[in-house]
Protein backbone atom coordinates (compact mmCIF):
# COMPACT_ATOMS: atom_id res chain seq x y z
CA UNK A 1 -23.44 1.08 35.75
CA UNK A 2 -20.52 0.88 38.25
CA UNK A 3 -18.25 3.92 38.56
CA UNK A 4 -14.75 3.21 38.45
CA UNK A 5 -11.43 5.30 39.25
CA UNK A 6 -9.34 6.14 36.43
CA UNK A 7 -5.86 6.93 38.27
CA UNK A 8 -3.72 8.64 35.68
CA UNK A 9 -0.41 10.07 37.25
CA UNK A 10 1.26 13.19 35.85
CA UNK A 11 4.83 11.53 36.16
CA UNK A 12 6.32 8.23 36.32
CA UNK A 13 8.30 9.47 38.78
CA UNK A 14 7.47 9.12 42.25
CA UNK A 15 6.02 9.20 45.27
CA UNK A 16 4.21 6.32 44.50
CA UNK A 17 0.59 4.94 46.28
CA UNK A 18 0.66 2.71 49.04
CA UNK A 19 -1.94 1.22 51.18
CA UNK A 20 -3.27 3.17 53.14
CA UNK A 21 -2.18 6.53 50.85
CA UNK A 22 -4.62 9.39 50.41
CA UNK A 23 -5.07 11.62 46.86
CA UNK A 24 -5.39 15.68 47.91
CA UNK A 25 -8.26 17.15 46.29
CA UNK A 26 -6.40 19.42 43.99
CA UNK A 27 -4.91 16.29 42.25
CA UNK A 28 -8.32 14.57 41.34
CA UNK A 29 -9.96 15.75 38.43
CA UNK A 30 -14.02 14.68 37.50
CA UNK A 31 -14.02 14.67 33.71
CA UNK A 32 -17.94 15.92 32.63
CA UNK A 33 -19.36 14.00 29.55
CA UNK A 34 -18.98 17.57 27.78
CA UNK A 35 -15.30 17.37 28.09
CA UNK A 36 -14.99 13.63 26.90
CA UNK A 37 -17.15 14.47 23.87
CA UNK A 38 -14.89 17.21 23.28
CA UNK A 39 -11.74 15.04 23.17
CA UNK A 40 -13.53 13.08 20.73
CA UNK A 41 -13.56 15.61 18.60
CA UNK A 42 -10.44 16.55 18.60
CA UNK A 43 -9.18 13.19 17.72
CA UNK A 44 -11.54 13.07 15.06
CA UNK A 45 -10.25 16.21 13.80
CA UNK A 46 -6.60 15.36 14.19
CA UNK A 47 -7.39 12.13 12.19
CA UNK A 48 -9.33 13.93 9.23
CA UNK A 49 -6.37 16.41 8.97
CA UNK A 50 -3.44 13.54 9.28
CA UNK A 51 -5.75 11.43 6.60
CA UNK A 52 -6.21 14.75 4.31
CA UNK A 53 -2.43 15.08 4.54
CA UNK A 54 -1.57 11.79 3.39
CA UNK A 55 -4.01 11.74 0.33
CA UNK A 56 -2.15 14.78 -0.98
CA UNK A 57 0.72 13.68 -0.54
CA UNK A 58 0.55 10.34 -2.03
CA UNK A 59 -1.51 12.43 -4.85
CA UNK A 60 1.36 14.57 -5.58
CA UNK A 61 3.92 11.43 -5.65
CA UNK A 62 1.80 9.47 -7.75
CA UNK A 63 0.71 12.75 -10.14
CA UNK A 64 4.55 13.18 -10.59
CA UNK A 65 5.00 9.02 -10.81
CA UNK A 66 2.24 9.30 -13.87
CA UNK A 67 3.88 12.15 -15.43
CA UNK A 68 7.79 10.68 -15.55
CA UNK A 69 6.67 6.87 -16.17
CA UNK A 70 2.80 6.84 -17.52
CA UNK A 71 3.57 3.31 -19.04
CA UNK A 72 5.18 2.34 -15.72
CA UNK A 73 2.30 2.61 -13.34
CA UNK A 74 -0.13 1.31 -16.00
CA UNK A 75 1.64 -1.91 -16.17
CA UNK A 76 1.69 -2.01 -12.34
CA UNK A 77 -2.22 -0.97 -11.99
CA UNK A 78 -2.35 -3.49 -15.12
CA UNK A 79 -0.70 -6.64 -13.22
CA UNK A 80 -2.43 -5.93 -10.23
CA UNK A 81 -5.87 -5.91 -12.05
CA UNK A 82 -4.87 -9.35 -13.77
CA UNK A 83 -3.23 -11.17 -10.81
CA UNK A 84 -4.41 -10.09 -7.34
CA UNK A 85 -3.79 -13.20 -5.83
CA UNK A 86 -0.04 -13.91 -7.37
CA UNK A 87 0.44 -10.03 -6.48
CA UNK A 88 -0.83 -10.55 -3.04
CA UNK A 89 1.26 -13.57 -2.23
CA UNK A 90 4.56 -12.17 -3.84
CA UNK A 91 3.90 -8.82 -2.21
CA UNK A 92 3.89 -10.32 1.17
CA UNK A 93 6.97 -12.79 0.92
CA UNK A 94 8.78 -9.84 -0.51
CA UNK A 95 7.62 -7.45 2.64
CA UNK A 96 8.31 -9.90 5.11
CA UNK A 97 11.80 -10.86 3.35
CA UNK A 98 12.49 -7.27 2.53
CA UNK A 99 12.00 -6.39 6.47
CA UNK A 100 14.01 -9.51 8.08
CA UNK A 101 17.03 -8.78 5.15
CA UNK A 102 16.84 -5.25 6.11
CA UNK A 103 17.31 -5.71 9.81
CA UNK A 104 20.02 -8.13 9.28
CA UNK A 105 21.80 -5.91 7.50
CA UNK A 106 21.47 -2.77 9.63
CA UNK A 107 23.03 -5.15 12.59
CA UNK A 108 25.65 -6.42 10.16
CA UNK A 109 27.07 -3.42 8.05
CA UNK A 110 24.30 -0.78 8.28
CA UNK A 111 23.13 -1.32 4.87
CA UNK A 112 19.87 -2.47 5.99
CA UNK A 113 18.25 0.97 5.49
CA UNK A 114 18.87 1.13 2.12
CA UNK A 115 17.05 -2.05 1.59
CA UNK A 116 14.09 -0.59 3.96
CA UNK A 117 14.14 2.46 1.54
CA UNK A 118 13.57 0.33 -1.61
CA UNK A 119 10.69 -1.48 0.11
CA UNK A 120 9.48 1.76 0.94
CA UNK A 121 9.79 3.02 -2.57
CA UNK A 122 8.30 -0.14 -3.95
CA UNK A 123 5.23 0.11 -1.56
CA UNK A 124 4.57 3.72 -2.53
CA UNK A 125 4.62 3.24 -5.97
CA UNK A 126 2.51 0.23 -5.50
CA UNK A 127 0.01 1.92 -3.52
CA UNK A 128 0.13 4.61 -6.69
CA UNK A 129 -0.40 1.64 -9.10
CA UNK A 130 -3.56 0.17 -6.85
CA UNK A 131 -4.80 3.47 -6.96
CA UNK A 132 -5.07 3.96 -10.50
CA UNK A 133 -6.66 0.31 -11.19
CA UNK A 134 -9.28 1.06 -8.00
CA UNK A 135 -10.19 4.61 -9.47
CA UNK A 136 -10.62 3.00 -13.14
CA UNK A 137 -12.97 0.61 -11.41
CA UNK A 138 -14.82 3.26 -9.91
CA UNK A 139 -15.20 5.28 -13.06
CA UNK A 140 -16.05 2.43 -15.08
CA UNK A 141 -19.11 1.75 -12.79
CA UNK A 142 -20.09 5.70 -12.74
CA UNK A 143 -19.90 5.12 -16.25
CA UNK A 144 -17.51 7.88 -16.74
CA UNK A 145 -14.74 8.34 -19.28
CA UNK A 146 -12.45 10.94 -18.49
CA UNK A 147 -9.88 11.52 -21.42
CA UNK A 148 -7.16 11.16 -18.88
CA UNK A 149 -6.13 8.93 -16.59
CA UNK A 150 -4.88 11.56 -13.67
CA UNK A 151 -8.70 11.80 -12.37
CA UNK A 152 -9.01 8.09 -11.85
CA UNK A 153 -5.64 7.73 -10.47
CA UNK A 154 -6.62 10.72 -7.70
CA UNK A 155 -10.05 9.15 -7.06
CA UNK A 156 -8.54 5.60 -6.59
CA UNK A 157 -5.56 6.83 -4.39
CA UNK A 158 -8.00 9.06 -1.90
CA UNK A 159 -10.51 5.95 -1.60
CA UNK A 160 -7.98 3.64 -0.62
CA UNK A 161 -6.08 5.59 1.62
CA UNK A 162 -9.25 6.58 3.62
CA UNK A 163 -10.08 3.31 3.87
CA UNK A 164 -6.31 2.25 5.26
CA UNK A 165 -6.41 5.18 8.04
CA UNK A 166 -9.87 3.67 9.17
CA UNK A 167 -9.25 2.51 12.94
CA UNK A 168 -6.78 -0.47 13.25
CA UNK A 169 -9.26 -3.58 12.91
CA UNK A 170 -10.36 -2.18 9.40
CA UNK A 171 -7.61 -0.15 8.06
CA UNK A 172 -4.27 -2.28 8.92
CA UNK A 173 -5.91 -5.64 7.12
CA UNK A 174 -7.17 -3.15 4.08
CA UNK A 175 -3.56 -1.63 3.95
CA UNK A 176 -1.78 -4.66 4.26
CA UNK A 177 -3.98 -6.47 1.49
CA UNK A 178 -3.83 -3.61 -1.20
CA UNK A 179 -0.22 -2.61 -0.35
CA UNK A 180 0.94 -6.35 -0.70
CA UNK A 181 -0.88 -6.70 -4.05
CA UNK A 182 0.67 -3.44 -5.43
CA UNK A 183 4.41 -4.37 -4.16
CA UNK A 184 3.74 -7.75 -5.95
CA UNK A 185 2.62 -6.03 -9.01
CA UNK A 186 5.92 -4.17 -8.66
CA UNK A 187 8.15 -6.99 -8.10
CA UNK A 188 6.18 -8.73 -10.92
CA UNK A 189 6.76 -5.82 -13.44
CA UNK A 190 10.33 -5.10 -12.12
CA UNK A 191 9.32 -1.35 -11.16
CA UNK A 192 6.92 -1.14 -14.12
CA UNK A 193 9.90 -1.68 -16.62
CA UNK A 194 7.93 -4.63 -18.15
CA UNK A 195 4.46 -6.27 -18.32
CA UNK A 196 3.67 -8.97 -15.80
CA UNK A 197 2.62 -11.39 -18.63
CA UNK A 198 5.96 -10.52 -20.89
CA UNK A 199 7.74 -14.36 -20.91
CA UNK A 200 10.26 -13.12 -23.38
CA UNK A 201 10.57 -13.36 -27.25
CA UNK A 202 8.77 -16.06 -28.52
CA UNK A 203 10.65 -18.92 -29.30
CA UNK A 204 11.31 -19.91 -32.93
CA UNK A 205 9.66 -23.10 -33.94
CA UNK A 206 11.48 -25.84 -36.00
CA UNK A 207 9.72 -25.81 -39.35
CA UNK A 208 9.78 -29.79 -40.78
CA UNK A 209 10.20 -29.96 -44.84
CA UNK A 210 7.88 -32.08 -46.60
CA UNK A 211 9.31 -34.98 -48.28
CA UNK A 212 9.63 -34.70 -52.29
CA UNK A 213 6.85 -35.58 -54.33
CA UNK A 214 7.65 -38.29 -56.72
CA UNK A 215 6.46 -35.76 -59.60
CA UNK A 216 8.84 -33.44 -58.33
CA UNK A 217 11.85 -35.80 -59.44
CA UNK A 218 13.90 -34.56 -62.37
CA UNK A 219 15.59 -37.06 -64.76
CA UNK A 220 18.06 -36.32 -66.63
């Protein structure tokens, strides 16, 4: 194929190239295929280490959240599993409004960081709930029934985090979809404090009394 010259200066400062300028030989470098392969391996190892760190951190946070509020994590997972479309829409709306409100408050009074912090906590909590949901489905598919939900939680978080860390064209849409579902489930369950399908206490149904029968009349 055609050969191209990739000019990459060492800094943004001058001197700059002009018409007729010459580049001295010591400043030029011809990269061999071995060097390009080495760079690719370095980027791959860095991606693996960063992904492993993210997985371990999220698993630790998930285990802590599950030990502190197991019912809350279970409610978020149940909401994501039962109403994924509703959770996605609610989560996407919350994400957009949270980012906009945080930016406006940050400019106005500096409280936008608190909004963004609450949004980040909701995203992480929702990610843990979605991880539990995915892990339980995977274990069900493998016909495994562990005594605790912790293996399902760790497995699910690992799988969805690896998929979310894939290249941009795959990882970002995957993260956005599952992140929005998890955030919507957190909002629907009010941070796991109640079930998403709770509709409050049942309403009292008025009872209609049957009219008295003639034989029930008492004659004095």
